[in-house]
């Protein structure tokens, strides 16, 4: 964002070293909360608001939803809440009590922002909100160079030959990503296509279980565990198809990254995925845990190189027209400025 107009102060419930590493300017302060009780968190953030002269409070995530709504009213500053989706644990803990807290908390904010029209409709319906209160701001992704040279460099780093067909995934190794389904589908796929490889970029709590599943299936030599990367768009260019088997998504950044480098995508028809991927046009949508369907659409993309080329061109165009980072930043700047005007 424009550094002459905006300064950010980030408050987290736990010390996130990865977040600190991604903060791009020394002017951005990061505070980690010590208090764990509701009054403790409210008191601590209130002091930060006053000390740092905060003009707009922007809360994201269930862990501070109620506190953020209360704080905006106490501090008498504009407040915004972002809903970007739910984790696997949050899905499992869904309850009437939580829904009631979400409905009450959402009414304390001036603006609710979410990622897709489908997610907006869901919030309006489930939280009983006025549609005018909910704004849609899609995630945006940097445009990066795409070339055969970058593709070859990424493949060489993993020992993948040019003729091999690469199925790829990038993201957290988390239960909500359901990587078991991806491994099972790839196992069936590679049984028919011996030149196939699977590359998994990322890390997380499911690392060991996924490695064990790969071992049980006897496909260790066909699977590359690439680990965490901060060069995902570059490395994705080694893929021929991007596959994501998540049980839930908001608006997936990694699907957007795959789209940005022209990859056809096979993903579950959950959350905002259907707002990005249109079945049969720039990829395929599959039901959650539908192993045979994932295998089927991977096979279609494998045997139809011309379809891969057409989908690739459509995805590059989609990124440039709809999901550029600059467009997302402009919308956030406008939202913050308009929110402040509500309190003038």
C-alpha atoms as a PDB file:
ATOM      1  CA  UNK A   1       0.000   0.000   0.000  1.00  0.00           C
ATOM      2  CA  UNK A   2       0.988   3.636  -0.401  1.00  0.00           C
ATOM      3  CA  UNK A   3       3.482   4.214   2.465  1.00  0.00           C
ATOM      4  CA  UNK A   4       2.696   7.936   2.490  1.00  0.00           C
ATOM      5  CA  UNK A   5      -0.937   7.204   3.338  1.00  0.00           C
ATOM      6  CA  UNK A   6      -0.944   3.940   5.282  1.00  0.00           C
ATOM      7  CA  UNK A   7       0.972   2.427   8.201  1.00  0.00           C
ATOM      8  CA  UNK A   8       0.226  -1.050   9.575  1.00  0.00           C
ATOM      9  CA  UNK A   9       0.328  -2.372  13.122  1.00  0.00           C
ATOM     10  CA  UNK A  10      -0.194  -6.143  13.345  1.00  0.00           C
ATOM     11  CA  UNK A  11      -1.494  -7.818  16.512  1.00  0.00           C
ATOM     12  CA  UNK A  12      -1.385 -11.622  16.750  1.00  0.00           C
ATOM     13  CA  UNK A  13      -2.496 -14.140  19.356  1.00  0.00           C
ATOM     14  CA  UNK A  14       0.795 -16.040  19.087  1.00  0.00           C
ATOM     15  CA  UNK A  15       4.285 -15.250  17.875  1.00  0.00           C
ATOM     16  CA  UNK A  16       4.251 -16.062  14.159  1.00  0.00           C
ATOM     17  CA  UNK A  17       7.832 -16.130  12.885  1.00  0.00           C
ATOM     18  CA  UNK A  18       6.731 -16.783   9.312  1.00  0.00           C
ATOM     19  CA  UNK A  19       4.537 -13.678   9.452  1.00  0.00           C
ATOM     20  CA  UNK A  20       7.379 -11.549  10.796  1.00  0.00           C
ATOM     21  CA  UNK A  21       9.609 -12.807   7.971  1.00  0.00           C
ATOM     22  CA  UNK A  22       7.053 -11.672   5.387  1.00  0.00           C
ATOM     23  CA  UNK A  23       6.614  -8.148   6.791  1.00  0.00           C
ATOM     24  CA  UNK A  24       8.130  -6.036   4.056  1.00  0.00           C
ATOM     25  CA  UNK A  25       8.787  -2.733   5.809  1.00  0.00           C
ATOM     26  CA  UNK A  26      10.420  -1.572   9.032  1.00  0.00           C
ATOM     27  CA  UNK A  27       7.465   0.787   9.566  1.00  0.00           C
ATOM     28  CA  UNK A  28       5.170  -2.187  10.236  1.00  0.00           C
ATOM     29  CA  UNK A  29       5.078  -3.157  13.914  1.00  0.00           C
ATOM     30  CA  UNK A  30       4.123  -6.662  15.080  1.00  0.00           C
ATOM     31  CA  UNK A  31       2.719  -7.182  18.599  1.00  0.00           C
ATOM     32  CA  UNK A  32       2.087 -10.588  20.163  1.00  0.00           C
ATOM     33  CA  UNK A  33      -0.660 -10.697  22.795  1.00  0.00           C
ATOM     34  CA  UNK A  34       0.183 -11.889  26.292  1.00  0.00           C
ATOM     35  CA  UNK A  35      -3.372 -11.947  27.625  1.00  0.00           C
ATOM     36  CA  UNK A  36      -5.484 -15.027  26.898  1.00  0.00           C
ATOM     37  CA  UNK A  37      -8.773 -14.126  28.626  1.00  0.00           C
ATOM     38  CA  UNK A  38     -11.376 -11.991  26.840  1.00  0.00           C
ATOM     39  CA  UNK A  39     -10.897  -8.976  29.186  1.00  0.00           C
ATOM     40  CA  UNK A  40      -7.109  -9.395  29.010  1.00  0.00           C
ATOM     41  CA  UNK A  41      -6.990  -9.358  25.213  1.00  0.00           C
ATOM     42  CA  UNK A  42      -9.392  -6.408  24.975  1.00  0.00           C
ATOM     43  CA  UNK A  43      -7.378  -4.389  27.501  1.00  0.00           C
ATOM     44  CA  UNK A  44      -4.047  -5.133  25.808  1.00  0.00           C
ATOM     45  CA  UNK A  45      -5.225  -4.328  22.277  1.00  0.00           C
ATOM     46  CA  UNK A  46      -6.978  -1.171  23.512  1.00  0.00           C
ATOM     47  CA  UNK A  47      -3.661   0.114  24.892  1.00  0.00           C
ATOM     48  CA  UNK A  48      -1.996  -0.648  21.531  1.00  0.00           C
ATOM     49  CA  UNK A  49      -4.773   1.224  19.689  1.00  0.00           C
ATOM     50  CA  UNK A  50      -4.255   4.315  21.822  1.00  0.00           C
ATOM     51  CA  UNK A  51      -0.447   4.164  21.874  1.00  0.00           C
ATOM     52  CA  UNK A  52      -0.097   3.635  18.117  1.00  0.00           C
ATOM     53  CA  UNK A  53      -2.959   6.009  17.239  1.00  0.00           C
ATOM     54  CA  UNK A  54      -4.846   3.442  15.199  1.00  0.00           C
ATOM     55  CA  UNK A  55      -7.409   4.910  12.772  1.00  0.00           C
ATOM     56  CA  UNK A  56      -9.012   1.673  11.509  1.00  0.00           C
ATOM     57  CA  UNK A  57      -9.283  -1.694  13.257  1.00  0.00           C
ATOM     58  CA  UNK A  58      -9.224  -4.670  10.881  1.00  0.00           C
ATOM     59  CA  UNK A  59      -9.780  -8.063  12.520  1.00  0.00           C
ATOM     60  CA  UNK A  60      -9.368 -11.389  10.780  1.00  0.00           C
ATOM     61  CA  UNK A  61     -10.083 -14.863  12.067  1.00  0.00           C
ATOM     62  CA  UNK A  62     -12.283 -16.399  14.716  1.00  0.00           C
ATOM     63  CA  UNK A  63      -9.699 -15.975  17.507  1.00  0.00           C
ATOM     64  CA  UNK A  64     -10.268 -12.191  17.710  1.00  0.00           C
ATOM     65  CA  UNK A  65     -13.684 -11.761  16.095  1.00  0.00           C
ATOM     66  CA  UNK A  66     -15.599 -10.919  19.262  1.00  0.00           C
ATOM     67  CA  UNK A  67     -12.762  -8.857  20.746  1.00  0.00           C
ATOM     68  CA  UNK A  68     -12.342  -6.832  17.549  1.00  0.00           C
ATOM     69  CA  UNK A  69     -16.037  -5.980  17.421  1.00  0.00           C
ATOM     70  CA  UNK A  70     -16.034  -4.829  21.046  1.00  0.00           C
ATOM     71  CA  UNK A  71     -12.800  -2.846  20.633  1.00  0.00           C
ATOM     72  CA  UNK A  72     -14.011  -0.912  17.603  1.00  0.00           C
ATOM     73  CA  UNK A  73     -16.975   0.345  19.613  1.00  0.00           C
ATOM     74  CA  UNK A  74     -14.975   1.100  22.771  1.00  0.00           C
ATOM     75  CA  UNK A  75     -12.234   2.939  20.875  1.00  0.00           C
ATOM     76  CA  UNK A  76     -14.777   4.681  18.603  1.00  0.00           C
ATOM     77  CA  UNK A  77     -12.885   3.876  15.408  1.00  0.00           C
ATOM     78  CA  UNK A  78     -14.042   2.183  12.179  1.00  0.00           C
ATOM     79  CA  UNK A  79     -13.900  -1.599  12.401  1.00  0.00           C
ATOM     80  CA  UNK A  80     -13.669  -4.225   9.652  1.00  0.00           C
ATOM     81  CA  UNK A  81     -13.850  -8.003   9.911  1.00  0.00           C
ATOM     82  CA  UNK A  82     -12.380 -10.306   7.253  1.00  0.00           C
ATOM     83  CA  UNK A  83     -13.810 -13.772   6.724  1.00  0.00           C
ATOM     84  CA  UNK A  84     -11.417 -15.830   4.600  1.00  0.00           C
ATOM     85  CA  UNK A  85     -12.718 -19.269   5.490  1.00  0.00           C
ATOM     86  CA  UNK A  86     -12.371 -21.855   8.250  1.00  0.00           C
ATOM     87  CA  UNK A  87      -9.708 -24.314   9.310  1.00  0.00           C
ATOM     88  CA  UNK A  88     -10.328 -28.059   9.593  1.00  0.00           C
ATOM     89  CA  UNK A  89     -10.617 -27.726  13.393  1.00  0.00           C
ATOM     90  CA  UNK A  90     -13.106 -24.872  13.094  1.00  0.00           C
ATOM     91  CA  UNK A  91     -15.240 -26.884  10.695  1.00  0.00           C
ATOM     92  CA  UNK A  92     -15.243 -29.772  13.163  1.00  0.00           C
ATOM     93  CA  UNK A  93     -16.256 -27.491  16.031  1.00  0.00           C
ATOM     94  CA  UNK A  94     -19.121 -25.789  14.204  1.00  0.00           C
ATOM     95  CA  UNK A  95     -22.016 -25.290  16.625  1.00  0.00           C
ATOM     96  CA  UNK A  96     -25.132 -23.233  17.296  1.00  0.00           C
ATOM     97  CA  UNK A  97     -23.254 -21.364  20.028  1.00  0.00           C
ATOM     98  CA  UNK A  98     -20.498 -20.358  17.635  1.00  0.00           C
ATOM     99  CA  UNK A  99     -23.018 -19.300  14.990  1.00  0.00           C
ATOM    100  CA  UNK A 100     -24.770 -17.091  17.568  1.00  0.00           C
ATOM    101  CA  UNK A 101     -21.465 -15.444  18.533  1.00  0.00           C
ATOM    102  CA  UNK A 102     -20.641 -14.876  14.842  1.00  0.00           C
ATOM    103  CA  UNK A 103     -24.047 -13.309  14.230  1.00  0.00           C
ATOM    104  CA  UNK A 104     -23.759 -10.990  17.252  1.00  0.00           C
ATOM    105  CA  UNK A 105     -20.100 -10.086  16.651  1.00  0.00           C
ATOM    106  CA  UNK A 106     -20.613  -9.325  12.944  1.00  0.00           C
ATOM    107  CA  UNK A 107     -23.163  -6.647  13.869  1.00  0.00           C
ATOM    108  CA  UNK A 108     -20.526  -4.714  15.836  1.00  0.00           C
ATOM    109  CA  UNK A 109     -18.432  -4.076  12.708  1.00  0.00           C
ATOM    110  CA  UNK A 110     -18.879  -1.350  10.126  1.00  0.00           C
ATOM    111  CA  UNK A 111     -17.812  -3.594   7.243  1.00  0.00           C
ATOM    112  CA  UNK A 112     -17.514  -7.342   6.704  1.00  0.00           C
ATOM    113  CA  UNK A 113     -15.145  -8.269   3.882  1.00  0.00           C
ATOM    114  CA  UNK A 114     -14.883 -11.665   2.222  1.00  0.00           C
ATOM    115  CA  UNK A 115     -13.291 -13.178  -0.858  1.00  0.00           C
ATOM    116  CA  UNK A 116     -15.948 -14.269  -3.350  1.00  0.00           C
ATOM    117  CA  UNK A 117     -19.608 -13.626  -4.250  1.00  0.00           C
ATOM    118  CA  UNK A 118     -20.430 -17.169  -3.101  1.00  0.00           C
ATOM    119  CA  UNK A 119     -18.859 -16.528   0.303  1.00  0.00           C
ATOM    120  CA  UNK A 120     -20.719 -13.223   0.574  1.00  0.00           C
ATOM    121  CA  UNK A 121     -24.046 -14.952  -0.063  1.00  0.00           C
ATOM    122  CA  UNK A 122     -23.210 -17.576   2.549  1.00  0.00           C
ATOM    123  CA  UNK A 123     -22.408 -14.917   5.178  1.00  0.00           C
ATOM    124  CA  UNK A 124     -25.505 -12.859   4.376  1.00  0.00           C
ATOM    125  CA  UNK A 125     -27.677 -15.960   4.703  1.00  0.00           C
ATOM    126  CA  UNK A 126     -26.035 -17.587   7.742  1.00  0.00           C
ATOM    127  CA  UNK A 127     -25.290 -14.418   9.761  1.00  0.00           C
ATOM    128  CA  UNK A 128     -28.530 -12.668   8.655  1.00  0.00           C
ATOM    129  CA  UNK A 129     -26.680  -9.572   7.447  1.00  0.00           C
ATOM    130  CA  UNK A 130     -27.646  -6.706   5.180  1.00  0.00           C
ATOM    131  CA  UNK A 131     -25.936  -7.458   1.863  1.00  0.00           C
ATOM    132  CA  UNK A 132     -24.723  -3.857   1.682  1.00  0.00           C
ATOM    133  CA  UNK A 133     -22.548  -4.417   4.754  1.00  0.00           C
ATOM    134  CA  UNK A 134     -20.539  -7.217   3.104  1.00  0.00           C
ATOM    135  CA  UNK A 135     -17.852  -6.326   0.562  1.00  0.00           C
ATOM    136  CA  UNK A 136     -16.043  -8.730  -1.756  1.00  0.00           C
ATOM    137  CA  UNK A 137     -12.305  -8.213  -2.250  1.00  0.00           C
ATOM    138  CA  UNK A 138     -10.629 -11.116  -4.014  1.00  0.00           C
ATOM    139  CA  UNK A 139      -7.047 -12.077  -3.243  1.00  0.00           C
ATOM    140  CA  UNK A 140      -4.477 -10.804  -5.695  1.00  0.00           C
ATOM    141  CA  UNK A 141      -1.270 -12.432  -6.921  1.00  0.00           C
ATOM    142  CA  UNK A 142       1.942 -10.956  -8.323  1.00  0.00           C
ATOM    143  CA  UNK A 143       2.543 -11.379 -12.030  1.00  0.00           C
ATOM    144  CA  UNK A 144       5.811 -13.281 -12.533  1.00  0.00           C
ATOM    145  CA  UNK A 145       7.890 -14.222 -15.575  1.00  0.00           C
ATOM    146  CA  UNK A 146       6.867 -17.527 -17.186  1.00  0.00           C
ATOM    147  CA  UNK A 147       9.312 -19.335 -19.473  1.00  0.00           C
ATOM    148  CA  UNK A 148      10.617 -22.713 -20.601  1.00  0.00           C
ATOM    149  CA  UNK A 149      13.932 -21.832 -18.953  1.00  0.00           C
ATOM    150  CA  UNK A 150      12.279 -21.407 -15.528  1.00  0.00           C
ATOM    151  CA  UNK A 151      10.337 -24.642 -16.046  1.00  0.00           C
ATOM    152  CA  UNK A 152      13.493 -26.577 -16.904  1.00  0.00           C
ATOM    153  CA  UNK A 153      15.421 -25.120 -13.952  1.00  0.00           C
ATOM    154  CA  UNK A 154      12.655 -26.142 -11.513  1.00  0.00           C
ATOM    155  CA  UNK A 155      12.487 -29.661 -12.972  1.00  0.00           C
ATOM    156  CA  UNK A 156      16.251 -30.106 -12.864  1.00  0.00           C
ATOM    157  CA  UNK A 157      16.292 -29.139  -9.173  1.00  0.00           C
ATOM    158  CA  UNK A 158      13.986 -32.096  -8.447  1.00  0.00           C
ATOM    159  CA  UNK A 159      15.549 -34.539 -10.903  1.00  0.00           C
ATOM    160  CA  UNK A 160      12.483 -34.537 -13.155  1.00  0.00           C
ATOM    161  CA  UNK A 161      13.009 -35.159 -16.863  1.00  0.00           C
ATOM    162  CA  UNK A 162      11.307 -33.086 -19.534  1.00  0.00           C
ATOM    163  CA  UNK A 163       9.132 -35.919 -20.864  1.00  0.00           C
ATOM    164  CA  UNK A 164       7.641 -36.698 -17.438  1.00  0.00           C
ATOM    165  CA  UNK A 165       4.131 -35.500 -16.603  1.00  0.00           C
ATOM    166  CA  UNK A 166       4.063 -33.613 -13.296  1.00  0.00           C
ATOM    167  CA  UNK A 167       1.065 -33.380 -10.992  1.00  0.00           C
ATOM    168  CA  UNK A 168       1.657 -30.675  -8.395  1.00  0.00           C
ATOM    169  CA  UNK A 169       0.316 -29.275  -5.130  1.00  0.00           C
ATOM    170  CA  UNK A 170       1.449 -26.392  -2.911  1.00  0.00           C
ATOM    171  CA  UNK A 171       0.175 -25.430   0.521  1.00  0.00           C
ATOM    172  CA  UNK A 172      -0.044 -26.390   4.175  1.00  0.00           C
ATOM    173  CA  UNK A 173       0.109 -30.087   4.970  1.00  0.00           C
ATOM    174  CA  UNK A 174      -3.044 -29.764   7.046  1.00  0.00           C
ATOM    175  CA  UNK A 175      -6.059 -32.077   7.470  1.00  0.00           C
ATOM    176  CA  UNK A 176      -8.294 -29.575   5.667  1.00  0.00           C
ATOM    177  CA  UNK A 177      -6.183 -30.051   2.507  1.00  0.00           C
ATOM    178  CA  UNK A 178      -7.028 -33.801   2.493  1.00  0.00           C
ATOM    179  CA  UNK A 179      -3.738 -34.827   0.899  1.00  0.00           C
ATOM    180  CA  UNK A 180      -4.688 -38.478   1.426  1.00  0.00           C
ATOM    181  CA  UNK A 181      -7.155 -38.114  -1.449  1.00  0.00           C
ATOM    182  CA  UNK A 182      -4.465 -36.584  -3.656  1.00  0.00           C
ATOM    183  CA  UNK A 183      -2.004 -39.413  -2.947  1.00  0.00           C
ATOM    184  CA  UNK A 184      -4.692 -42.070  -3.509  1.00  0.00           C
ATOM    185  CA  UNK A 185      -5.743 -40.485  -6.809  1.00  0.00           C
ATOM    186  CA  UNK A 186      -2.144 -40.138  -7.963  1.00  0.00           C
ATOM    187  CA  UNK A 187      -1.493 -43.786  -7.087  1.00  0.00           C
ATOM    188  CA  UNK A 188      -4.237 -44.847  -9.503  1.00  0.00           C
ATOM    189  CA  UNK A 189      -3.036 -42.344 -12.098  1.00  0.00           C
ATOM    190  CA  UNK A 190       0.629 -43.383 -12.048  1.00  0.00           C
ATOM    191  CA  UNK A 191      -0.394 -47.035 -12.339  1.00  0.00           C
ATOM    192  CA  UNK A 192      -1.649 -46.180 -15.836  1.00  0.00           C
ATOM    193  CA  UNK A 193       0.952 -43.535 -16.688  1.00  0.00           C
ATOM    194  CA  UNK A 194       4.397 -44.616 -15.562  1.00  0.00           C
ATOM    195  CA  UNK A 195       5.956 -41.310 -16.664  1.00  0.00           C
ATOM    196  CA  UNK A 196       3.960 -39.359 -14.050  1.00  0.00           C
ATOM    197  CA  UNK A 197       5.449 -37.624 -11.002  1.00  0.00           C
ATOM    198  CA  UNK A 198       3.834 -35.940  -8.008  1.00  0.00           C
ATOM    199  CA  UNK A 199       5.432 -32.853  -6.423  1.00  0.00           C
ATOM    200  CA  UNK A 200       4.234 -31.640  -3.020  1.00  0.00           C
ATOM    201  CA  UNK A 201       5.420 -28.143  -2.034  1.00  0.00           C
ATOM    202  CA  UNK A 202       4.888 -27.282   1.616  1.00  0.00           C
ATOM    203  CA  UNK A 203       5.042 -28.620   5.130  1.00  0.00           C
ATOM    204  CA  UNK A 204       2.861 -29.051   8.180  1.00  0.00           C
ATOM    205  CA  UNK A 205       1.308 -31.390  10.720  1.00  0.00           C
ATOM    206  CA  UNK A 206       0.393 -34.007   8.092  1.00  0.00           C
ATOM    207  CA  UNK A 207       3.930 -34.365   6.743  1.00  0.00           C
ATOM    208  CA  UNK A 208       4.711 -37.692   8.424  1.00  0.00           C
ATOM    209  CA  UNK A 209       1.286 -39.297   7.760  1.00  0.00           C
ATOM    210  CA  UNK A 210       1.481 -38.359   4.067  1.00  0.00           C
ATOM    211  CA  UNK A 211       4.992 -39.770   3.745  1.00  0.00           C
ATOM    212  CA  UNK A 212       3.782 -42.984   5.396  1.00  0.00           C
ATOM    213  CA  UNK A 213       0.868 -43.243   2.943  1.00  0.00           C
ATOM    214  CA  UNK A 214       3.202 -42.714  -0.025  1.00  0.00           C
ATOM    215  CA  UNK A 215       5.423 -45.482   1.353  1.00  0.00           C
ATOM    216  CA  UNK A 216       2.500 -47.890   1.842  1.00  0.00           C
ATOM    217  CA  UNK A 217       1.429 -47.290  -1.756  1.00  0.00           C
ATOM    218  CA  UNK A 218       4.960 -48.065  -2.959  1.00  0.00           C
ATOM    219  CA  UNK A 219       5.315 -44.831  -4.953  1.00  0.00           C
ATOM    220  CA  UNK A 220       8.210 -43.163  -3.082  1.00  0.00           C
ATOM    221  CA  UNK A 221      10.270 -42.885  -6.268  1.00  0.00           C
ATOM    222  CA  UNK A 222       7.396 -41.076  -7.999  1.00  0.00           C
ATOM    223  CA  UNK A 223       6.774 -38.448  -5.285  1.00  0.00           C
ATOM    224  CA  UNK A 224       8.887 -35.372  -4.527  1.00  0.00           C
ATOM    225  CA  UNK A 225       8.497 -33.732  -1.101  1.00  0.00           C
ATOM    226  CA  UNK A 226       9.807 -30.278  -1.959  1.00  0.00           C
ATOM    227  CA  UNK A 227       9.379 -28.676   1.483  1.00  0.00           C
ATOM    228  CA  UNK A 228       8.431 -25.074   2.254  1.00  0.00           C
ATOM    229  CA  UNK A 229       9.120 -22.539  -0.487  1.00  0.00           C
ATOM    230  CA  UNK A 230       8.905 -18.787  -0.928  1.00  0.00           C
ATOM    231  CA  UNK A 231       9.263 -19.227  -4.718  1.00  0.00           C
ATOM    232  CA  UNK A 232       6.040 -21.121  -5.371  1.00  0.00           C
ATOM    233  CA  UNK A 233       5.082 -19.421  -8.652  1.00  0.00           C
ATOM    234  CA  UNK A 234       8.531 -20.113 -10.049  1.00  0.00           C
ATOM    235  CA  UNK A 235       8.553 -23.748  -8.955  1.00  0.00           C
ATOM    236  CA  UNK A 236       4.977 -24.393 -10.120  1.00  0.00           C
ATOM    237  CA  UNK A 237       6.159 -23.912 -13.675  1.00  0.00           C
ATOM    238  CA  UNK A 238       7.602 -27.433 -13.434  1.00  0.00           C
ATOM    239  CA  UNK A 239       4.017 -28.767 -13.181  1.00  0.00           C
ATOM    240  CA  UNK A 240       1.705 -29.885 -15.978  1.00  0.00           C
ATOM    241  CA  UNK A 241      -1.437 -29.751 -13.838  1.00  0.00           C
ATOM    242  CA  UNK A 242      -2.202 -28.332 -10.409  1.00  0.00           C
ATOM    243  CA  UNK A 243      -4.391 -30.510  -8.156  1.00  0.00           C
ATOM    244  CA  UNK A 244      -5.981 -29.426  -4.877  1.00  0.00           C
ATOM    245  CA  UNK A 245      -8.183 -31.804  -2.861  1.00  0.00           C
ATOM    246  CA  UNK A 246      -9.174 -29.483   0.013  1.00  0.00           C
ATOM    247  CA  UNK A 247     -12.278 -30.131   2.089  1.00  0.00           C
ATOM    248  CA  UNK A 248     -12.733 -26.358   2.450  1.00  0.00           C
ATOM    249  CA  UNK A 249     -11.251 -23.235   0.883  1.00  0.00           C
ATOM    250  CA  UNK A 250     -11.934 -19.541   0.996  1.00  0.00           C
ATOM    251  CA  UNK A 251     -10.252 -18.152  -2.087  1.00  0.00           C
ATOM    252  CA  UNK A 252      -7.148 -20.279  -2.472  1.00  0.00           C
ATOM    253  CA  UNK A 253      -3.952 -18.288  -3.032  1.00  0.00           C
ATOM    254  CA  UNK A 254      -2.192 -21.371  -4.349  1.00  0.00           C
ATOM    255  CA  UNK A 255      -4.904 -21.981  -6.952  1.00  0.00           C
ATOM    256  CA  UNK A 256      -4.505 -18.320  -7.960  1.00  0.00           C
ATOM    257  CA  UNK A 257      -0.738 -18.821  -8.160  1.00  0.00           C
ATOM    258  CA  UNK A 258      -1.274 -21.867 -10.369  1.00  0.00           C
ATOM    259  CA  UNK A 259      -3.644 -19.863 -12.572  1.00  0.00           C
ATOM    260  CA  UNK A 260      -1.110 -17.020 -12.797  1.00  0.00           C
ATOM    261  CA  UNK A 261       1.506 -19.297 -14.392  1.00  0.00           C
ATOM    262  CA  UNK A 262      -0.992 -20.909 -16.769  1.00  0.00           C
ATOM    263  CA  UNK A 263      -1.635 -24.273 -15.158  1.00  0.00           C
ATOM    264  CA  UNK A 264      -4.895 -26.172 -15.691  1.00  0.00           C
ATOM    265  CA  UNK A 265      -6.409 -26.887 -12.270  1.00  0.00           C
ATOM    266  CA  UNK A 266      -8.298 -29.861 -10.870  1.00  0.00           C
ATOM    267  CA  UNK A 267      -9.776 -28.995  -7.464  1.00  0.00           C
ATOM    268  CA  UNK A 268     -12.660 -29.647  -5.132  1.00  0.00           C
ATOM    269  CA  UNK A 269     -15.847 -27.678  -5.695  1.00  0.00           C
ATOM    270  CA  UNK A 270     -15.750 -26.026  -2.257  1.00  0.00           C
ATOM    271  CA  UNK A 271     -15.631 -22.443  -0.975  1.00  0.00           C
ATOM    272  CA  UNK A 272     -14.474 -19.988  -3.608  1.00  0.00           C
ATOM    273  CA  UNK A 273     -12.880 -22.564  -5.925  1.00  0.00           C
ATOM    274  CA  UNK A 274     -15.851 -22.434  -8.277  1.00  0.00           C
ATOM    275  CA  UNK A 275     -15.412 -18.669  -8.618  1.00  0.00           C
ATOM    276  CA  UNK A 276     -11.942 -19.236 -10.079  1.00  0.00           C
ATOM    277  CA  UNK A 277     -12.246 -22.560 -11.898  1.00  0.00           C
ATOM    278  CA  UNK A 278     -15.056 -23.100 -14.403  1.00  0.00           C
ATOM    279  CA  UNK A 279     -15.590 -26.778 -15.068  1.00  0.00           C
ATOM    280  CA  UNK A 280     -14.288 -27.855 -18.462  1.00  0.00           C
ATOM    281  CA  UNK A 281     -13.034 -24.358 -19.373  1.00  0.00           C
ATOM    282  CA  UNK A 282      -9.900 -23.619 -17.345  1.00  0.00           C
ATOM    283  CA  UNK A 283      -9.905 -26.753 -15.184  1.00  0.00           C
ATOM    284  CA  UNK A 284     -12.216 -29.241 -13.525  1.00  0.00           C
ATOM    285  CA  UNK A 285     -14.251 -29.220 -10.304  1.00  0.00           C
ATOM    286  CA  UNK A 286     -14.593 -32.417  -8.275  1.00  0.00           C
ATOM    287  CA  UNK A 287     -16.549 -33.393  -5.168  1.00  0.00           C
ATOM    288  CA  UNK A 288     -14.616 -33.716  -1.915  1.00  0.00           C
ATOM    289  CA  UNK A 289     -12.903 -37.100  -1.413  1.00  0.00           C
ATOM    290  CA  UNK A 290     -13.915 -38.262  -4.920  1.00  0.00           C
ATOM    291  CA  UNK A 291     -10.673 -40.151  -5.593  1.00  0.00           C
ATOM    292  CA  UNK A 292     -11.756 -41.706  -8.894  1.00  0.00           C
ATOM    293  CA  UNK A 293     -13.007 -38.347 -10.211  1.00  0.00           C
ATOM    294  CA  UNK A 294      -9.669 -36.685  -9.483  1.00  0.00           C
ATOM    295  CA  UNK A 295      -7.919 -39.525 -11.264  1.00  0.00           C
ATOM    296  CA  UNK A 296     -10.328 -39.232 -14.213  1.00  0.00           C
ATOM    297  CA  UNK A 297      -9.720 -35.511 -14.779  1.00  0.00           C
ATOM    298  CA  UNK A 298      -5.976 -35.805 -14.325  1.00  0.00           C
ATOM    299  CA  UNK A 299      -6.126 -38.458 -17.043  1.00  0.00           C
ATOM    300  CA  UNK A 300      -8.156 -36.203 -19.373  1.00  0.00           C
ATOM    301  CA  UNK A 301      -5.562 -33.431 -19.045  1.00  0.00           C
ATOM    302  CA  UNK A 302      -2.743 -35.960 -19.558  1.00  0.00           C
ATOM    303  CA  UNK A 303      -4.107 -37.356 -22.837  1.00  0.00           C
ATOM    304  CA  UNK A 304      -5.195 -33.985 -24.305  1.00  0.00           C
ATOM    305  CA  UNK A 305      -2.190 -31.635 -24.644  1.00  0.00           C
ATOM    306  CA  UNK A 306      -4.263 -29.238 -26.764  1.00  0.00           C
ATOM    307  CA  UNK A 307      -6.785 -28.927 -23.928  1.00  0.00           C
ATOM    308  CA  UNK A 308      -3.898 -28.162 -21.565  1.00  0.00           C
ATOM    309  CA  UNK A 309      -2.751 -25.382 -23.878  1.00  0.00           C
ATOM    310  CA  UNK A 310      -6.232 -23.837 -24.131  1.00  0.00           C
ATOM    311  CA  UNK A 311      -6.761 -23.977 -20.354  1.00  0.00           C
ATOM    312  CA  UNK A 312      -3.334 -22.482 -19.802  1.00  0.00           C
ATOM    313  CA  UNK A 313      -4.105 -19.476 -22.023  1.00  0.00           C
ATOM    314  CA  UNK A 314      -7.454 -18.920 -20.307  1.00  0.00           C
ATOM    315  CA  UNK A 315      -5.884 -18.966 -16.859  1.00  0.00           C
ATOM    316  CA  UNK A 316      -3.141 -16.483 -17.732  1.00  0.00           C
ATOM    317  CA  UNK A 317      -5.824 -14.142 -19.100  1.00  0.00           C
ATOM    318  CA  UNK A 318      -8.019 -14.662 -16.018  1.00  0.00           C
ATOM    319  CA  UNK A 319      -5.181 -13.707 -13.698  1.00  0.00           C
ATOM    320  CA  UNK A 320      -4.346 -10.549 -15.619  1.00  0.00           C
ATOM    321  CA  UNK A 321      -7.951  -9.369 -15.806  1.00  0.00           C
ATOM    322  CA  UNK A 322      -9.261 -10.350 -12.348  1.00  0.00           C
ATOM    323  CA  UNK A 323      -6.665 -11.425  -9.790  1.00  0.00           C
ATOM    324  CA  UNK A 324      -3.697  -9.050 -10.014  1.00  0.00           C
ATOM    325  CA  UNK A 325      -2.212  -7.923  -6.698  1.00  0.00           C
ATOM    326  CA  UNK A 326      -2.405  -4.245  -7.666  1.00  0.00           C
ATOM    327  CA  UNK A 327      -6.186  -4.475  -8.034  1.00  0.00           C
ATOM    328  CA  UNK A 328      -6.561  -6.047  -4.597  1.00  0.00           C
ATOM    329  CA  UNK A 329      -4.408  -3.360  -2.962  1.00  0.00           C
ATOM    330  CA  UNK A 330      -6.405  -0.572  -4.609  1.00  0.00           C
ATOM    331  CA  UNK A 331      -9.658  -2.005  -3.226  1.00  0.00           C
ATOM    332  CA  UNK A 332      -8.252  -2.278   0.308  1.00  0.00           C
ATOM    333  CA  UNK A 333      -6.989   1.303   0.191  1.00  0.00           C
ATOM    334  CA  UNK A 334     -10.432   2.468  -0.920  1.00  0.00           C
ATOM    335  CA  UNK A 335     -12.178   0.448   1.800  1.00  0.00           C
ATOM    336  CA  UNK A 336      -9.968   1.846   4.576  1.00  0.00           C
ATOM    337  CA  UNK A 337     -10.415   5.423   3.331  1.00  0.00           C
ATOM    338  CA  UNK A 338     -14.189   5.058   3.019  1.00  0.00           C
ATOM    339  CA  UNK A 339     -14.406   3.512   6.501  1.00  0.00           C
ATOM    340  CA  UNK A 340     -12.667   6.504   8.026  1.00  0.00           C
ATOM    341  CA  UNK A 341     -15.130   8.838   6.355  1.00  0.00           C
ATOM    342  CA  UNK A 342     -17.959   7.126   8.238  1.00  0.00           C
ATOM    343  CA  UNK A 343     -16.521   8.608  11.462  1.00  0.00           C
ATOM    344  CA  UNK A 344     -15.749  12.118  10.209  1.00  0.00           C
END
